[in-house]
Each structure stands twice: as C-alpha cells, then as structure tokens.
Amino acid sequence: MALPERVQSIYQDVIKRNPGEAEFHQAVKEVLECLGPVLVKYPEFAEAKVIERICEPERQTIFRVPWQDDRGQVQINRGFRVQFNSALGPYKGGLRFHPSVYLGIIKFLGFEQIFKNSLTGLPIGGAKGGSDFDPKGKSDNEVMRFCQSFMIELWRIIGEHTDVPAGDIGVGAREIGFLFGQYKRLTSKFEAGVLTGKGLVYGGSQVRTEATGYGCTYFVEEMLKAKGNGFMGKKAVVSGSGNVAIYTLEKIHQLGGKVVAMSDSHGVVVDEDGFNLETVKQLKEVDRRRIKDYCDIHKQAKYIDGGNIWDVPCDVAMPSATQNEISGNDARTLVKNGCIAVGEGANMPTTPDGVQVFLAAGVLFGPGKAANAGGVATSALEMQQNAGRDAWGFEETDAKLHQIMKNVYQHCSDAAEEFGSPGNLVVGANIGGFIKVARAMIAHGLV
C-alpha cells in the first residue's frame, strides 16, 4: 500500500534517522499507511506534528550486561530499554531475551506497544526492552546471574509509576522472579507493581500466563462471530510451541475448535486428531524439550523436519512465534487451502505482502497490535491488583480479559467503519490506537 503523500516525507525521515532498523521501518510504515484520512479529519494532529513526535522515542537506554557462566568465564551482553510514549500512562511493555535482539527489534516492538496499549482502554504507555542474551541451554544459576546484572542497570529507570516491564520471548516466570528479587534488593522496597508476570505467591495475577493466547483466541472468536461463525468445528494451525501457542491451543479447544499443527524452529508436528494439551505442556513447560518429541508419545502424529506450518490446510491460522513468519507466498498457500481467518498472536508475524494477500482475499485478519493485546491487558490488571493490595480469582480475571478483548475488537471495527474501510481491522487498529494517543499528546502540550 502506498503511503499518503503528506506522511511520505515523515517516513523517509524515520528511515534517515534510524538507519539499518528494518523491523522498525516496517512497523512505522504499516501505521502511517492508514493515517491519511485521520489527518484530513483532524488537521490539528498535523499542525502539532504528532506523527513526527510519536515516531521518536521519548527515551532510549543501551547498557552493558557482564555476567559469569558456570565455567567461570566472563560473558558480555547488551541490554536495551526503549521508553517510547507515556501520553496515556507509565511506560509498559515486555523484555525479550533472544540472540536476534538489537535496537531495531526493540524499537519496532516498543512502537507497536504504543497502539496496542491504547486499544486496551487502560492507562498505560508504550515501551519495550531486552537483551541479546539467549536463556536456552543456560542453567538456572547462569540465568539468575545474568538477570541480576541486567537489573543493576535497569532499576534506575523503572518503577510502578514510571515504567513497568513484563516478560516476552525468553523471559518467563523464572526470569521475572530473578529480576524482581534483584530490584527488591537494590531498592529495599517490595514494590510489587514494578514488574508484571510475577509468580502468584508474590503479587502475580491469575490468567497472566494464559493471557496472550487466550486473548488472541477471544479476538478471533469475535471476528468469526461477526460473520455468524465461531471456532466450533474449525481446524486451526498454531505456529510456535511456547507460552502464546500453548494457551492459544487450550482456548481453541475450549471453544470447540481443533489445533492440528504446531511448530518450533526445527520443524512442524501435525496431529489431525487434535493436539493433546497436557502432553504439550509437559514437553515445553516442564521438560523444555522439542516439539518433535510429541510424536514419541502420540504415534498418530507426524513430524516434518524443517517443514513449513503454513503448508498445513486449516480454517484458522494463528501465527504465535515471531515477526515476519508468514510471507506473501505462505499467505497465498493458506488462502488456497481454505483459510478464512488469521489471528496474530506474535508481534508483526505477517509480512506486508502477506497482509495484502489476506485482505485482498477477504480473509478475516486480526493484526497483532489488537489481537495479541491480551497479554499487556492482563499485565495492567496485575498492576491494578498490586496497587490495591488485592488478588482476584481466575474466573474474575478471565472475564475481565474476555471483555477487554471484545472491546478491542469493537474499537477496531468502529474505527475502520468510521474511516471508510469497513471490516479492515488493520486500518481500524492503527487509527483507533493512534487517535487516543494523539489527543493525549496534544493535551500535554509540546513535550
């Protein structure tokens, strides 16, 4: 899609000011493509240069993370925190520990987080952070030493009223626990609201573990219901086999659908009978094994070494692994094989070409900044519980998450309708998320 003329120069300036950050450029372009009609209706946004300001992080921090491995060898990693926009509330966004992490990845994630957090309707700004540290293959003690060193720098810029990190790829309950313990040690405060995704015994929230997968499934269910449909009887494929994928699987089965394929970085497992949830949880959450080992337990399943999950026929595709995992060719294959809906559980998992293929084919498409907002929404609910020294039950928290995801869908649908693109939730998510932040930025003056 071509950029509106009035924002083309803004995009070129973003590229010039942020060289070599391809993922960030892609995320910015996808939002800017939708904003032409908004600037016509609200010329004050152009006058106040809201778009230019929203594309520039409020603060970026890069730091060294030295730590010692179990052999006594000194290792050096790089840490990041990009505090992108605080117009709606304290910065909020996860930490990603993965070898692919560099500044451009963190900026793309932080930029997406601005609009995602806005769509939840909750008072949280956008941020992201992480490191090129790889927790895979590391002992608990190595992960602890890394997390403690990481927090020695991070603690200076976070706080429950300032910036509240959470987990992301490579950062689960173990890592959050080590990070929180070091923060508590450094500050001499039990400030529960400074991190979310905590264990239930020290201030965590019910449903936080399940939230992104559950939330994405709730969002897709709303898309399907708008067409007089639902997950009942549908075959789904879910890429990945981590936290988001596992709880997407769980909720799809609860809603009457069947997940027939899952994957990891090595290959794809197909189980036409529908995946056994307890086996997947044991393999991935307890034993930390590869998804191919599922076939050792369930003999009817088939493992495809190096396979492409998007070649598996399905009614619903749920990309839940990483960015740009569905190419244009993958999208065409999915459409050809009868896919009617896509819900992005990961952040920006579909390439721009892939998105256009889905939209042109009339496939229901839930963009990540809307569909996977359940994780950060439940993080914000955890912040509410921490602030009130309260703890809600699973059913109560799940009901709140479900309602938030219904609201996110409706907000996107209404914005798409208002700006002449009915049913296009990409347009709806970008415009709906942007307008709320833009109004707050104008209200705050030139800051």
Protein backbone atom coordinates (compact mmCIF):
# COMPACT_ATOMS: atom_id res chain seq x y z
CA MET A 1 0.00 0.00 0.00
CA ALA A 2 1.36 3.44 -0.93
CA LEU A 3 1.89 5.99 1.80
CA PRO A 4 -0.34 9.10 1.74
CA GLU A 5 1.67 11.97 0.27
CA ARG A 6 1.64 14.06 3.43
CA VAL A 7 3.22 11.30 5.53
CA GLN A 8 5.72 10.05 2.91
CA SER A 9 8.29 12.66 3.99
CA ILE A 10 7.79 11.68 7.64
CA TYR A 11 8.54 8.06 6.78
CA GLN A 12 11.66 8.98 4.81
CA ASP A 13 12.88 10.99 7.77
CA VAL A 14 12.32 7.97 10.06
CA ILE A 15 14.48 5.84 7.75
CA LYS A 16 17.20 8.51 7.66
CA ARG A 17 17.24 8.96 11.44
CA ASN A 18 17.13 5.21 12.17
CA PRO A 19 19.40 3.54 9.59
CA GLY A 20 19.54 -0.24 9.37
CA GLU A 21 16.48 -0.86 11.57
CA ALA A 22 14.32 -2.72 9.06
CA GLU A 23 11.73 -4.05 11.53
CA PHE A 24 11.18 -0.57 12.98
CA HIS A 25 10.79 0.91 9.49
CA GLN A 26 8.22 -1.79 8.66
CA ALA A 27 6.19 -1.14 11.81
CA VAL A 28 6.15 2.62 11.24
CA LYS A 29 5.17 2.28 7.58
CA GLU A 30 2.25 -0.02 8.43
CA VAL A 31 0.81 2.59 10.79
CA LEU A 32 1.50 5.60 8.56
CA GLU A 33 -0.26 3.93 5.59
CA CYS A 34 -3.53 4.25 7.48
CA LEU A 35 -3.31 7.83 8.76
CA GLY A 36 -4.11 9.93 5.67
CA PRO A 37 -7.87 10.14 6.40
CA VAL A 38 -7.16 10.91 10.07
CA LEU A 39 -5.10 14.00 9.18
CA VAL A 40 -7.91 15.21 6.90
CA LYS A 41 -10.48 14.89 9.69
CA TYR A 42 -8.16 16.16 12.44
CA PRO A 43 -5.79 18.76 10.90
CA GLU A 44 -4.67 19.73 14.39
CA PHE A 45 -2.68 16.48 14.54
CA ALA A 46 -0.60 17.63 11.56
CA GLU A 47 -0.18 21.13 12.95
CA ALA A 48 1.16 19.77 16.24
CA LYS A 49 3.42 17.28 14.39
CA VAL A 50 2.00 14.44 16.42
CA ILE A 51 3.10 11.77 13.91
CA GLU A 52 6.68 13.04 13.87
CA ARG A 53 6.77 13.02 17.66
CA ILE A 54 5.13 9.61 18.05
CA CYS A 55 7.78 8.06 15.78
CA GLU A 56 10.60 9.31 18.02
CA PRO A 57 11.08 7.50 21.36
CA GLU A 58 10.95 9.67 24.45
CA ARG A 59 13.99 7.87 25.83
CA GLN A 60 16.38 5.09 24.73
CA THR A 61 18.81 3.31 27.05
CA ILE A 62 21.53 0.85 25.99
CA PHE A 63 23.82 -0.76 28.55
CA ARG A 64 26.45 -3.43 29.08
CA VAL A 65 25.50 -6.63 30.92
CA PRO A 66 28.54 -8.56 32.19
CA TRP A 67 27.98 -11.93 33.88
CA GLN A 68 29.84 -15.13 34.69
CA ASP A 69 28.87 -18.55 33.36
CA ASP A 70 29.12 -21.85 35.24
CA ARG A 71 32.65 -22.44 33.93
CA GLY A 72 33.80 -19.18 35.47
CA GLN A 73 34.05 -17.48 32.05
CA VAL A 74 33.05 -13.81 31.77
CA GLN A 75 30.30 -13.14 29.22
CA ILE A 76 29.16 -9.76 27.88
CA ASN A 77 25.70 -8.99 26.54
CA ARG A 78 23.92 -5.79 25.60
CA GLY A 79 20.76 -4.58 27.32
CA PHE A 80 18.07 -2.24 25.97
CA ARG A 81 15.07 -0.29 27.19
CA VAL A 82 13.19 2.00 24.80
CA GLN A 83 10.60 4.13 26.60
CA PHE A 84 8.58 5.15 23.58
CA ASN A 85 5.49 7.06 24.67
CA SER A 86 3.98 7.92 28.06
CA ALA A 87 1.00 10.01 26.91
CA LEU A 88 -1.56 7.58 28.36
CA GLY A 89 0.28 6.33 31.44
CA PRO A 90 3.54 4.83 32.70
CA TYR A 91 5.62 3.01 30.11
CA LYS A 92 4.50 -0.62 29.77
CA GLY A 93 5.99 -3.39 27.67
CA GLY A 94 7.91 -6.63 27.87
CA LEU A 95 11.55 -7.69 27.97
CA ARG A 96 12.82 -10.02 25.25
CA PHE A 97 15.91 -12.19 25.77
CA HIS A 98 16.95 -13.64 22.40
CA PRO A 99 20.10 -13.61 20.22
CA SER A 100 18.25 -11.68 17.48
CA VAL A 101 17.63 -8.68 19.75
CA TYR A 102 19.15 -5.37 18.66
CA LEU A 103 17.95 -1.79 18.87
CA GLY A 104 15.75 -2.02 15.75
CA ILE A 105 13.81 -5.00 17.14
CA ILE A 106 13.23 -3.26 20.47
CA LYS A 107 12.08 -0.07 18.73
CA PHE A 108 9.65 -1.95 16.48
CA LEU A 109 8.18 -3.73 19.49
CA GLY A 110 8.00 -0.53 21.54
CA PHE A 111 6.32 1.37 18.69
CA GLU A 112 3.72 -1.38 18.28
CA GLN A 113 3.19 -1.35 22.05
CA ILE A 114 2.03 2.29 22.00
CA PHE A 115 -1.03 1.45 19.90
CA LYS A 116 -1.64 -1.96 21.42
CA ASN A 117 -1.77 -0.46 24.91
CA SER A 118 -4.01 2.35 23.69
CA LEU A 119 -6.50 -0.15 22.25
CA THR A 120 -6.91 -1.91 25.60
CA GLY A 121 -8.52 1.25 27.02
CA LEU A 122 -6.22 1.00 30.05
CA PRO A 123 -3.93 3.85 31.26
CA ILE A 124 -0.56 2.56 30.04
CA GLY A 125 2.08 3.96 27.69
CA GLY A 126 4.34 2.04 25.31
CA ALA A 127 7.85 0.65 25.85
CA LYS A 128 9.97 -2.44 25.20
CA GLY A 129 13.31 -3.80 26.32
CA GLY A 130 15.53 -6.83 26.37
CA SER A 131 18.92 -8.26 25.56
CA ASP A 132 20.76 -10.41 23.01
CA PHE A 133 21.25 -12.95 25.82
CA ASP A 134 19.96 -16.44 24.99
CA PRO A 135 18.46 -18.28 28.00
CA LYS A 136 18.21 -21.54 26.03
CA GLY A 137 20.75 -24.08 27.25
CA LYS A 138 21.68 -21.99 30.27
CA SER A 139 21.45 -23.29 33.83
CA ASP A 140 19.16 -21.63 36.36
CA ASN A 141 22.22 -20.16 38.07
CA GLU A 142 23.51 -18.67 34.81
CA VAL A 143 20.11 -17.14 34.08
CA MET A 144 19.98 -15.76 37.63
CA ARG A 145 23.43 -14.16 37.35
CA PHE A 146 22.52 -12.61 34.02
CA CYS A 147 19.17 -11.26 35.30
CA GLN A 148 20.83 -9.78 38.39
CA SER A 149 23.43 -8.00 36.27
CA PHE A 150 20.74 -6.79 33.85
CA MET A 151 18.67 -5.35 36.71
CA ILE A 152 21.67 -3.49 38.17
CA GLU A 153 21.27 -1.11 35.22
CA LEU A 154 17.53 -1.36 34.54
CA TRP A 155 16.38 -0.50 38.07
CA ARG A 156 17.46 3.13 37.64
CA ILE A 157 14.77 3.87 35.03
CA ILE A 158 11.77 1.75 36.10
CA GLY A 159 9.12 1.98 38.81
CA GLU A 160 5.41 1.35 39.29
CA HIS A 161 4.59 4.96 38.31
CA THR A 162 7.37 5.26 35.71
CA ASP A 163 7.96 2.13 33.66
CA VAL A 164 6.62 -1.39 34.28
CA PRO A 165 8.38 -4.16 32.30
CA ALA A 166 6.97 -7.65 31.80
CA GLY A 167 8.00 -10.84 30.01
CA ASP A 168 8.30 -11.60 26.31
CA ILE A 169 10.24 -14.21 24.31
CA GLY A 170 12.86 -15.77 26.59
CA VAL A 171 11.52 -14.07 29.71
CA GLY A 172 9.08 -16.16 31.72
CA ALA A 173 8.24 -16.63 35.39
CA ARG A 174 11.79 -17.76 36.22
CA GLU A 175 13.40 -14.66 34.73
CA ILE A 176 10.81 -12.27 36.18
CA GLY A 177 11.41 -13.79 39.62
CA PHE A 178 15.18 -13.23 39.41
CA LEU A 179 14.68 -9.69 38.09
CA PHE A 180 12.19 -8.82 40.83
CA GLY A 181 14.41 -10.23 43.56
CA GLN A 182 17.33 -8.10 42.42
CA TYR A 183 15.13 -4.98 42.11
CA LYS A 184 13.91 -5.53 45.67
CA ARG A 185 17.48 -5.96 46.87
CA LEU A 186 18.70 -2.80 45.14
CA THR A 187 15.82 -0.56 46.25
CA SER A 188 14.98 -2.07 49.67
CA LYS A 189 11.31 -1.89 48.59
CA PHE A 190 8.67 -4.52 47.95
CA GLU A 191 7.25 -2.58 45.02
CA ALA A 192 5.07 -5.29 43.51
CA GLY A 193 3.80 -3.08 40.68
CA VAL A 194 7.24 -2.56 39.14
CA LEU A 195 7.16 -5.82 37.14
CA THR A 196 4.28 -7.92 35.84
CA GLY A 197 4.19 -11.60 35.07
CA LYS A 198 5.22 -12.35 38.65
CA GLY A 199 4.55 -15.62 40.44
CA LEU A 200 1.22 -15.88 42.24
CA VAL A 201 2.93 -16.18 45.63
CA TYR A 202 4.45 -12.70 45.43
CA GLY A 203 1.91 -10.48 43.67
CA GLY A 204 1.29 -12.05 40.28
CA SER A 205 -2.10 -12.25 38.61
CA GLN A 206 -4.22 -15.21 37.69
CA VAL A 207 -4.53 -15.65 33.90
CA ARG A 208 -1.31 -13.71 33.15
CA THR A 209 0.39 -16.86 31.88
CA GLU A 210 -2.57 -17.67 29.64
CA ALA A 211 -3.44 -14.10 28.69
CA THR A 212 -1.87 -13.57 25.25
CA GLY A 213 -3.04 -16.92 23.88
CA TYR A 214 -6.48 -16.66 25.46
CA GLY A 215 -6.86 -13.04 24.37
CA CYS A 216 -5.91 -13.71 20.76
CA THR A 217 -8.38 -16.58 20.60
CA TYR A 218 -11.13 -14.39 22.09
CA PHE A 219 -10.37 -11.73 19.46
CA VAL A 220 -10.57 -14.20 16.57
CA GLU A 221 -13.78 -15.61 18.02
CA GLU A 222 -15.24 -12.08 17.81
CA MET A 223 -14.11 -11.79 14.18
CA LEU A 224 -15.76 -15.11 13.36
CA LYS A 225 -18.94 -14.26 15.27
CA ALA A 226 -19.30 -11.06 13.24
CA LYS A 227 -19.70 -13.38 10.24
CA GLY A 228 -22.18 -15.61 12.07
CA ASN A 229 -19.50 -18.13 12.89
CA GLY A 230 -17.12 -19.25 15.65
CA PHE A 231 -14.32 -21.69 16.47
CA MET A 232 -16.74 -24.60 16.87
CA GLY A 233 -15.71 -27.35 14.45
CA LYS A 234 -12.81 -25.36 12.97
CA LYS A 235 -9.33 -26.74 12.27
CA ALA A 236 -6.54 -24.41 13.34
CA VAL A 237 -2.77 -24.32 13.00
CA VAL A 238 -0.73 -22.52 15.67
CA SER A 239 2.90 -21.68 14.91
CA GLY A 240 5.38 -21.96 17.75
CA SER A 241 5.03 -24.08 20.86
CA GLY A 242 5.85 -21.58 23.58
CA ASN A 243 3.61 -19.76 26.01
CA VAL A 244 1.39 -17.98 23.47
CA ALA A 245 0.95 -21.08 21.32
CA ILE A 246 0.16 -23.37 24.27
CA TYR A 247 -2.64 -21.21 25.63
CA THR A 248 -3.99 -20.47 22.17
CA LEU A 249 -4.27 -24.25 21.80
CA GLU A 250 -6.03 -24.52 25.16
CA LYS A 251 -8.62 -21.84 24.45
CA ILE A 252 -9.33 -23.00 20.88
CA HIS A 253 -10.14 -26.47 22.24
CA GLN A 254 -12.35 -24.94 24.94
CA LEU A 255 -14.27 -23.08 22.22
CA GLY A 256 -14.84 -26.25 20.20
CA GLY A 257 -12.06 -25.98 17.64
CA LYS A 258 -9.17 -28.36 16.99
CA VAL A 259 -5.47 -27.47 16.63
CA VAL A 260 -3.89 -29.81 14.08
CA ALA A 261 -0.36 -28.37 13.74
CA MET A 262 2.27 -26.74 15.96
CA SER A 263 5.94 -25.97 15.35
CA ASP A 264 9.29 -24.81 16.66
CA SER A 265 12.45 -23.54 14.96
CA HIS A 266 13.38 -27.09 13.87
CA GLY A 267 10.16 -28.35 12.30
CA VAL A 268 6.41 -28.99 12.35
CA VAL A 269 4.23 -31.59 14.05
CA VAL A 270 0.85 -32.45 12.51
CA ASP A 271 -1.78 -34.26 14.57
CA GLU A 272 -5.08 -34.49 12.69
CA ASP A 273 -6.74 -35.83 15.84
CA GLY A 274 -6.02 -32.54 17.61
CA PHE A 275 -3.09 -31.86 19.93
CA ASN A 276 -3.07 -33.22 23.46
CA LEU A 277 -2.73 -30.16 25.67
CA GLU A 278 -1.24 -31.92 28.67
CA THR A 279 1.49 -33.52 26.58
CA VAL A 280 2.45 -30.17 25.05
CA LYS A 281 2.54 -28.51 28.47
CA GLN A 282 4.74 -31.30 29.88
CA LEU A 283 7.15 -31.19 26.97
CA LYS A 284 7.52 -27.41 26.72
CA GLU A 285 6.83 -26.01 30.21
CA VAL A 286 8.32 -28.77 32.38
CA ASP A 287 10.82 -30.80 30.36
CA ARG A 288 11.80 -27.95 27.98
CA ARG A 289 12.03 -30.41 25.07
CA ARG A 290 11.49 -30.02 21.32
CA ILE A 291 8.00 -30.28 19.84
CA LYS A 292 9.12 -33.27 17.71
CA ASP A 293 9.16 -35.37 20.92
CA TYR A 294 5.34 -35.13 20.88
CA CYS A 295 5.42 -37.84 18.19
CA ASP A 296 7.15 -40.27 20.57
CA ILE A 297 4.08 -40.15 22.81
CA HIS A 298 1.31 -39.77 20.22
CA LYS A 299 2.16 -42.19 17.41
CA GLN A 300 -0.52 -40.90 15.05
CA ALA A 301 1.24 -37.51 14.87
CA LYS A 302 3.70 -36.76 12.07
CA TYR A 303 6.89 -34.71 12.36
CA ILE A 304 8.15 -32.74 9.34
CA ASP A 305 11.79 -31.82 9.87
CA GLY A 306 12.33 -28.26 8.64
CA GLY A 307 8.71 -28.13 7.49
CA ASN A 308 6.55 -25.08 6.90
CA ILE A 309 3.47 -24.99 9.14
CA TRP A 310 1.62 -22.74 6.69
CA ASP A 311 1.51 -25.62 4.19
CA VAL A 312 -0.89 -27.45 6.52
CA PRO A 313 -4.55 -26.91 5.45
CA CYS A 314 -6.67 -25.14 8.07
CA ASP A 315 -9.66 -22.91 8.65
CA VAL A 316 -7.84 -20.58 11.06
CA ALA A 317 -4.14 -19.67 11.21
CA MET A 318 -2.68 -18.38 14.47
CA PRO A 319 0.93 -17.18 13.97
CA SER A 320 2.31 -17.21 17.51
CA ALA A 321 6.09 -17.42 17.14
CA THR A 322 7.96 -14.35 15.89
CA GLN A 323 7.99 -11.44 13.43
CA ASN A 324 7.65 -11.93 9.64
CA GLU A 325 6.95 -15.66 9.80
CA ILE A 326 4.15 -15.56 7.18
CA SER A 327 5.40 -14.41 3.79
CA GLY A 328 3.30 -13.46 0.79
CA ASN A 329 3.75 -16.97 -0.62
CA ASP A 330 2.73 -18.50 2.71
CA ALA A 331 -0.38 -16.34 2.74
CA ARG A 332 -1.29 -17.43 -0.79
CA THR A 333 -0.89 -21.07 0.26
CA LEU A 334 -3.15 -20.56 3.27
CA VAL A 335 -5.81 -18.87 1.13
CA LYS A 336 -5.60 -21.63 -1.48
CA ASN A 337 -6.06 -24.27 1.23
CA GLY A 338 -9.23 -22.63 2.57
CA CYS A 339 -8.06 -20.46 5.47
CA ILE A 340 -10.81 -18.00 6.44
CA ALA A 341 -9.27 -16.21 9.44
CA VAL A 342 -5.85 -15.22 10.82
CA GLY A 343 -5.11 -14.04 14.35
CA GLU A 344 -1.65 -12.67 15.08
CA GLY A 345 -0.56 -13.94 18.47
CA ALA A 346 3.02 -12.81 17.82
CA ASN A 347 4.15 -9.26 17.07
CA MET A 348 4.07 -8.42 13.34
CA PRO A 349 4.30 -12.09 12.24
CA THR A 350 2.91 -11.41 8.76
CA THR A 351 4.94 -9.53 6.14
CA PRO A 352 3.29 -6.54 4.42
CA ASP A 353 2.88 -8.65 1.25
CA GLY A 354 1.20 -11.37 3.30
CA VAL A 355 -1.21 -8.91 4.90
CA GLN A 356 -2.27 -7.60 1.49
CA VAL A 357 -2.85 -11.16 0.23
CA PHE A 358 -5.16 -11.88 3.17
CA LEU A 359 -7.08 -8.61 2.86
CA ALA A 360 -7.49 -8.96 -0.93
CA ALA A 361 -8.84 -12.50 -0.47
CA GLY A 362 -11.37 -11.42 2.14
CA VAL A 363 -9.70 -13.41 4.92
CA LEU A 364 -10.60 -12.13 8.38
CA PHE A 365 -7.35 -10.67 9.69
CA GLY A 366 -6.61 -9.73 13.31
CA PRO A 367 -3.39 -7.65 13.44
CA GLY A 368 -1.05 -8.26 16.36
CA LYS A 369 -1.41 -4.85 17.95
CA ALA A 370 -5.08 -5.71 18.51
CA ALA A 371 -5.28 -9.50 18.57
CA ASN A 372 -2.42 -10.10 20.99
CA ALA A 373 -3.24 -7.23 23.35
CA GLY A 374 -4.48 -9.69 25.98
CA GLY A 375 -1.03 -10.11 27.48
CA VAL A 376 -0.45 -6.46 28.23
CA ALA A 377 -4.10 -6.01 29.23
CA THR A 378 -3.73 -8.66 31.93
CA SER A 379 -0.42 -7.10 32.96
CA ALA A 380 -2.35 -3.87 33.54
CA LEU A 381 -4.90 -5.85 35.57
CA GLU A 382 -1.97 -7.18 37.61
CA MET A 383 -0.88 -3.57 38.21
CA GLN A 384 -4.40 -2.76 39.44
CA GLN A 385 -4.32 -5.67 41.87
CA ASN A 386 -0.87 -4.68 43.13
CA ALA A 387 -1.95 -1.06 43.63
CA GLY A 388 -4.97 -2.19 45.67
CA ARG A 389 -3.08 -4.91 47.57
CA ASP A 390 -5.67 -7.27 46.11
CA ALA A 391 -5.80 -10.63 44.33
CA TRP A 392 -8.63 -11.68 42.02
CA GLY A 393 -9.68 -15.24 41.21
CA PHE A 394 -9.09 -16.95 37.87
CA GLU A 395 -12.68 -16.68 36.64
CA GLU A 396 -12.97 -12.99 37.56
CA THR A 397 -9.71 -12.09 35.83
CA ASP A 398 -10.51 -14.20 32.77
CA ALA A 399 -13.92 -12.49 32.49
CA LYS A 400 -12.22 -9.06 32.59
CA LEU A 401 -9.75 -10.17 29.89
CA HIS A 402 -12.58 -11.51 27.72
CA GLN A 403 -14.46 -8.21 27.97
CA ILE A 404 -11.32 -6.19 27.17
CA MET A 405 -10.72 -8.25 24.02
CA LYS A 406 -14.35 -7.77 22.97
CA ASN A 407 -13.86 -4.02 23.47
CA VAL A 408 -10.61 -4.04 21.47
CA TYR A 409 -12.36 -5.79 18.58
CA GLN A 410 -15.28 -3.36 18.68
CA HIS A 411 -12.97 -0.34 18.85
CA CYS A 412 -11.05 -1.53 15.78
CA SER A 413 -14.23 -2.38 13.90
CA ASP A 414 -15.81 1.00 14.66
CA ALA A 415 -12.68 2.95 13.63
CA ALA A 416 -12.44 1.02 10.35
CA GLU A 417 -16.10 1.79 9.64
CA GLU A 418 -15.72 5.48 10.53
CA PHE A 419 -12.75 5.98 8.20
CA GLY A 420 -14.14 4.19 5.17
CA SER A 421 -12.60 0.73 5.48
CA PRO A 422 -15.33 -1.45 7.00
CA GLY A 423 -14.04 -4.84 8.11
CA ASN A 424 -10.38 -3.87 7.70
CA LEU A 425 -9.08 -4.35 11.24
CA VAL A 426 -5.54 -3.34 10.25
CA VAL A 427 -6.83 0.15 9.46
CA GLY A 428 -9.12 0.07 12.49
CA ALA A 429 -6.36 -0.93 14.92
CA ASN A 430 -3.88 1.64 13.66
CA ILE A 431 -6.35 4.52 13.56
CA GLY A 432 -8.15 3.59 16.78
CA GLY A 433 -4.90 3.26 18.70
CA PHE A 434 -3.39 6.41 17.20
CA ILE A 435 -6.24 8.85 17.81
CA LYS A 436 -6.38 8.28 21.56
CA VAL A 437 -2.63 8.77 21.96
CA ALA A 438 -2.62 11.81 19.65
CA ARG A 439 -5.34 13.54 21.66
CA ALA A 440 -3.43 12.96 24.89
CA MET A 441 -0.20 14.28 23.35
CA ILE A 442 -1.91 17.47 22.20
CA ALA A 443 -3.47 17.94 25.65
CA HIS A 444 0.01 17.72 27.24
CA GLY A 445 1.49 20.43 25.03
CA LEU A 446 4.82 20.29 23.22
CA VAL A 447 6.67 17.68 25.31
